[in-house]
Amino acid sequence: MEDKRCCGRGVCIINAQGICWCGQRWDGEKMVQANSDIKKTKELDKKDLPKK
């Protein structure tokens, strides 16, 4: 099944948080470089960390 979020290269593997193996992430409309909004990316990363 092809993911509609794919950048067009056909090699995207996008996780549940919308982050691709290549470093891009889904912003709700299109794939963007993860470092284009580093604060948002860090917030998403914190949500994935297990609670101690």
PDB file of N, CA and C in Angstrom:
ATOM      1  N   MET A   1       0.844  -1.186   0.000  1.00  0.00           N
ATOM      2  CA  MET A   1       0.000   0.000   0.000  1.00  0.00           C
ATOM      3  C   MET A   1       0.887   1.246   0.000  1.00  0.00           C
ATOM      4  N   GLU A   2       0.640   2.132  -0.926  1.00  0.00           N
ATOM      5  CA  GLU A   2       1.433   3.352  -1.044  1.00  0.00           C
ATOM      6  C   GLU A   2       0.933   4.403  -0.056  1.00  0.00           C
ATOM      7  N   ASP A   3       1.869   5.031   0.638  1.00  0.00           N
ATOM      8  CA  ASP A   3       1.545   6.068   1.621  1.00  0.00           C
ATOM      9  C   ASP A   3       1.385   7.396   0.894  1.00  0.00           C
ATOM     10  N   LYS A   4       0.256   8.078   1.100  1.00  0.00           N
ATOM     11  CA  LYS A   4      -0.001   9.358   0.421  1.00  0.00           C
ATOM     12  C   LYS A   4       0.980  10.440   0.855  1.00  0.00           C
ATOM     13  N   ARG A   5       1.680  10.215   1.971  1.00  0.00           N
ATOM     14  CA  ARG A   5       2.644  11.199   2.469  1.00  0.00           C
ATOM     15  C   ARG A   5       4.011  11.062   1.802  1.00  0.00           C
ATOM     16  N   CYS A   6       4.192  10.042   0.986  1.00  0.00           N
ATOM     17  CA  CYS A   6       5.481   9.798   0.341  1.00  0.00           C
ATOM     18  C   CYS A   6       5.909  11.022  -0.475  1.00  0.00           C
ATOM     19  N   CYS A   7       7.194  11.319  -0.451  1.00  0.00           N
ATOM     20  CA  CYS A   7       7.734  12.496  -1.141  1.00  0.00           C
ATOM     21  C   CYS A   7       7.784  12.318  -2.649  1.00  0.00           C
ATOM     22  N   GLY A   8       7.512  11.132  -3.143  1.00  0.00           N
ATOM     23  CA  GLY A   8       7.513  10.894  -4.573  1.00  0.00           C
ATOM     24  C   GLY A   8       8.625   9.975  -5.041  1.00  0.00           C
ATOM     25  N   ARG A   9       9.586   9.723  -4.194  1.00  0.00           N
ATOM     26  CA  ARG A   9      10.693   8.839  -4.560  1.00  0.00           C
ATOM     27  C   ARG A   9      10.306   7.371  -4.473  1.00  0.00           C
ATOM     28  N   GLY A  10       9.260   7.084  -3.707  1.00  0.00           N
ATOM     29  CA  GLY A  10       8.803   5.705  -3.569  1.00  0.00           C
ATOM     30  C   GLY A  10       9.555   4.897  -2.535  1.00  0.00           C
ATOM     31  N   VAL A  11      10.365   5.548  -1.716  1.00  0.00           N
ATOM     32  CA  VAL A  11      11.151   4.821  -0.718  1.00  0.00           C
ATOM     33  C   VAL A  11      10.857   5.278   0.712  1.00  0.00           C
ATOM     34  N   CYS A  12       9.829   6.052   0.895  1.00  0.00           N
ATOM     35  CA  CYS A  12       9.509   6.574   2.225  1.00  0.00           C
ATOM     36  C   CYS A  12       9.055   5.455   3.159  1.00  0.00           C
ATOM     37  N   ILE A  13       9.582   5.485   4.368  1.00  0.00           N
ATOM     38  CA  ILE A  13       9.118   4.637   5.463  1.00  0.00           C
ATOM     39  C   ILE A  13       8.801   5.611   6.586  1.00  0.00           C
ATOM     40  N   ILE A  14       7.522   5.884   6.786  1.00  0.00           N
ATOM     41  CA  ILE A  14       7.082   6.930   7.705  1.00  0.00           C
ATOM     42  C   ILE A  14       6.484   6.294   8.945  1.00  0.00           C
ATOM     43  N   ASN A  15       6.992   6.689  10.125  1.00  0.00           N
ATOM     44  CA  ASN A  15       6.496   6.101  11.377  1.00  0.00           C
ATOM     45  C   ASN A  15       5.197   6.767  11.821  1.00  0.00           C
ATOM     46  N   ALA A  16       4.667   6.327  12.941  1.00  0.00           N
ATOM     47  CA  ALA A  16       3.386   6.827  13.438  1.00  0.00           C
ATOM     48  C   ALA A  16       3.419   8.314  13.770  1.00  0.00           C
ATOM     49  N   GLN A  17       4.603   8.850  14.055  1.00  0.00           N
ATOM     50  CA  GLN A  17       4.732  10.275  14.369  1.00  0.00           C
ATOM     51  C   GLN A  17       4.903  11.114  13.107  1.00  0.00           C
ATOM     52  N   GLY A  18       4.917  10.478  11.935  1.00  0.00           N
ATOM     53  CA  GLY A  18       5.033  11.197  10.678  1.00  0.00           C
ATOM     54  C   GLY A  18       6.457  11.503  10.264  1.00  0.00           C
ATOM     55  N   ILE A  19       7.432  10.823  10.891  1.00  0.00           N
ATOM     56  CA  ILE A  19       8.835  11.063  10.566  1.00  0.00           C
ATOM     57  C   ILE A  19       9.337   9.935   9.668  1.00  0.00           C
ATOM     58  N   CYS A  20       9.930  10.321   8.547  1.00  0.00           N
ATOM     59  CA  CYS A  20      10.461   9.372   7.573  1.00  0.00           C
ATOM     60  C   CYS A  20      11.897   8.997   7.946  1.00  0.00           C
ATOM     61  N   TRP A  21      12.352   7.853   7.482  1.00  0.00           N
ATOM     62  CA  TRP A  21      13.725   7.404   7.743  1.00  0.00           C
ATOM     63  C   TRP A  21      14.747   8.391   7.193  1.00  0.00           C
ATOM     64  N   CYS A  22      14.390   9.177   6.167  1.00  0.00           N
ATOM     65  CA  CYS A  22      15.333  10.113   5.540  1.00  0.00           C
ATOM     66  C   CYS A  22      15.464  11.413   6.325  1.00  0.00           C
ATOM     67  N   GLY A  23      14.640  11.607   7.344  1.00  0.00           N
ATOM     68  CA  GLY A  23      14.733  12.807   8.169  1.00  0.00           C
ATOM     69  C   GLY A  23      13.617  13.806   7.944  1.00  0.00           C
ATOM     70  N   GLN A  24      12.817  13.608   6.900  1.00  0.00           N
ATOM     71  CA  GLN A  24      11.689  14.507   6.688  1.00  0.00           C
ATOM     72  C   GLN A  24      10.548  14.106   7.609  1.00  0.00           C
ATOM     73  N   ARG A  25       9.621  15.039   7.817  1.00  0.00           N
ATOM     74  CA  ARG A  25       8.438  14.709   8.620  1.00  0.00           C
ATOM     75  C   ARG A  25       7.196  15.303   7.977  1.00  0.00           C
ATOM     76  N   TRP A  26       6.066  14.705   8.273  1.00  0.00           N
ATOM     77  CA  TRP A  26       4.775  15.121   7.759  1.00  0.00           C
ATOM     78  C   TRP A  26       4.267  16.262   8.616  1.00  0.00           C
ATOM     79  N   ASP A  27       3.946  17.409   7.990  1.00  0.00           N
ATOM     80  CA  ASP A  27       3.464  18.569   8.751  1.00  0.00           C
ATOM     81  C   ASP A  27       1.950  18.708   8.714  1.00  0.00           C
ATOM     82  N   GLY A  28       1.279  17.710   8.166  1.00  0.00           N
ATOM     83  CA  GLY A  28      -0.174  17.751   8.050  1.00  0.00           C
ATOM     84  C   GLY A  28      -0.626  18.036   6.633  1.00  0.00           C
ATOM     85  N   GLU A  29       0.284  18.589   5.829  1.00  0.00           N
ATOM     86  CA  GLU A  29      -0.027  18.894   4.435  1.00  0.00           C
ATOM     87  C   GLU A  29       1.007  18.327   3.471  1.00  0.00           C
ATOM     88  N   LYS A  30       2.274  18.325   3.903  1.00  0.00           N
ATOM     89  CA  LYS A  30       3.363  17.878   3.020  1.00  0.00           C
ATOM     90  C   LYS A  30       4.546  17.432   3.869  1.00  0.00           C
ATOM     91  N   MET A  31       5.503  16.772   3.217  1.00  0.00           N
ATOM     92  CA  MET A  31       6.739  16.388   3.885  1.00  0.00           C
ATOM     93  C   MET A  31       7.666  17.602   3.912  1.00  0.00           C
ATOM     94  N   VAL A  32       8.277  17.857   5.066  1.00  0.00           N
ATOM     95  CA  VAL A  32       9.213  18.965   5.225  1.00  0.00           C
ATOM     96  C   VAL A  32      10.459  18.456   5.940  1.00  0.00           C
ATOM     97  N   GLN A  33      11.559  19.173   5.788  1.00  0.00           N
ATOM     98  CA  GLN A  33      12.771  18.814   6.505  1.00  0.00           C
ATOM     99  C   GLN A  33      12.494  18.932   7.999  1.00  0.00           C
ATOM    100  N   ALA A  34      12.891  17.945   8.754  1.00  0.00           N
ATOM    101  CA  ALA A  34      12.631  17.929  10.194  1.00  0.00           C
ATOM    102  C   ALA A  34      13.258  19.123  10.890  1.00  0.00           C
ATOM    103  N   ASN A  35      14.405  19.595  10.416  1.00  0.00           N
ATOM    104  CA  ASN A  35      15.053  20.721  11.068  1.00  0.00           C
ATOM    105  C   ASN A  35      14.420  22.058  10.721  1.00  0.00           C
ATOM    106  N   SER A  36      13.383  22.062   9.868  1.00  0.00           N
ATOM    107  CA  SER A  36      12.718  23.322   9.537  1.00  0.00           C
ATOM    108  C   SER A  36      11.883  23.833  10.703  1.00  0.00           C
ATOM    109  N   ASP A  37      11.546  22.941  11.609  1.00  0.00           N
ATOM    110  CA  ASP A  37      10.806  23.320  12.813  1.00  0.00           C
ATOM    111  C   ASP A  37      11.331  22.457  13.948  1.00  0.00           C
ATOM    112  N   ILE A  38      12.557  22.701  14.353  1.00  0.00           N
ATOM    113  CA  ILE A  38      13.244  21.855  15.324  1.00  0.00           C
ATOM    114  C   ILE A  38      12.505  21.790  16.660  1.00  0.00           C
ATOM    115  N   LYS A  39      11.851  22.877  17.067  1.00  0.00           N
ATOM    116  CA  LYS A  39      11.115  22.877  18.334  1.00  0.00           C
ATOM    117  C   LYS A  39       9.973  21.866  18.273  1.00  0.00           C
ATOM    118  N   LYS A  40       9.227  21.852  17.185  1.00  0.00           N
ATOM    119  CA  LYS A  40       8.118  20.913  17.025  1.00  0.00           C
ATOM    120  C   LYS A  40       8.633  19.477  17.032  1.00  0.00           C
ATOM    121  N   THR A  41       9.748  19.232  16.351  1.00  0.00           N
ATOM    122  CA  THR A  41      10.330  17.897  16.303  1.00  0.00           C
ATOM    123  C   THR A  41      10.743  17.444  17.699  1.00  0.00           C
ATOM    124  N   LYS A  42      11.360  18.344  18.471  1.00  0.00           N
ATOM    125  CA  LYS A  42      11.773  17.992  19.830  1.00  0.00           C
ATOM    126  C   LYS A  42      10.560  17.692  20.704  1.00  0.00           C
ATOM    127  N   GLU A  43       9.455  18.427  20.521  1.00  0.00           N
ATOM    128  CA  GLU A  43       8.238  18.167  21.280  1.00  0.00           C
ATOM    129  C   GLU A  43       7.694  16.785  20.949  1.00  0.00           C
ATOM    130  N   LEU A  44       7.713  16.417  19.674  1.00  0.00           N
ATOM    131  CA  LEU A  44       7.259  15.094  19.272  1.00  0.00           C
ATOM    132  C   LEU A  44       8.147  14.016  19.861  1.00  0.00           C
ATOM    133  N   ASP A  45       9.460  14.244  19.881  1.00  0.00           N
ATOM    134  CA  ASP A  45      10.400  13.285  20.441  1.00  0.00           C
ATOM    135  C   ASP A  45      10.135  13.065  21.926  1.00  0.00           C
ATOM    136  N   LYS A  46       9.837  14.130  22.664  1.00  0.00           N
ATOM    137  CA  LYS A  46       9.584  14.016  24.098  1.00  0.00           C
ATOM    138  C   LYS A  46       8.349  13.161  24.367  1.00  0.00           C
ATOM    139  N   LYS A  47       7.349  13.242  23.504  1.00  0.00           N
ATOM    140  CA  LYS A  47       6.137  12.454  23.682  1.00  0.00           C
ATOM    141  C   LYS A  47       6.411  10.963  23.551  1.00  0.00           C
ATOM    142  N   ASP A  48       7.449  10.609  22.784  1.00  0.00           N
ATOM    143  CA  ASP A  48       7.768   9.210  22.545  1.00  0.00           C
ATOM    144  C   ASP A  48       8.601   8.587  23.650  1.00  0.00           C
ATOM    145  N   LEU A  49       9.227   9.419  24.502  1.00  0.00           N
ATOM    146  CA  LEU A  49      10.081   8.883  25.547  1.00  0.00           C
ATOM    147  C   LEU A  49       9.240   8.238  26.639  1.00  0.00           C
ATOM    148  N   PRO A  50       9.670   7.077  27.115  1.00  0.00           N
ATOM    149  CA  PRO A  50       8.920   6.425  28.191  1.00  0.00           C
ATOM    150  C   PRO A  50       9.062   7.210  29.494  1.00  0.00           C
ATOM    151  N   LYS A  51       8.005   7.213  30.283  1.00  0.00           N
ATOM    152  CA  LYS A  51       8.022   7.894  31.580  1.00  0.00           C
ATOM    153  C   LYS A  51       8.835   7.060  32.553  1.00  0.00           C
ATOM    154  N   LYS A  52       9.623   7.728  33.388  1.00  0.00           N
ATOM    155  CA  LYS A  52      10.445   7.013  34.383  1.00  0.00           C
ATOM    156  C   LYS A  52       9.722   6.905  35.684  1.00  0.00           C
TER     157      LYS A  52
END
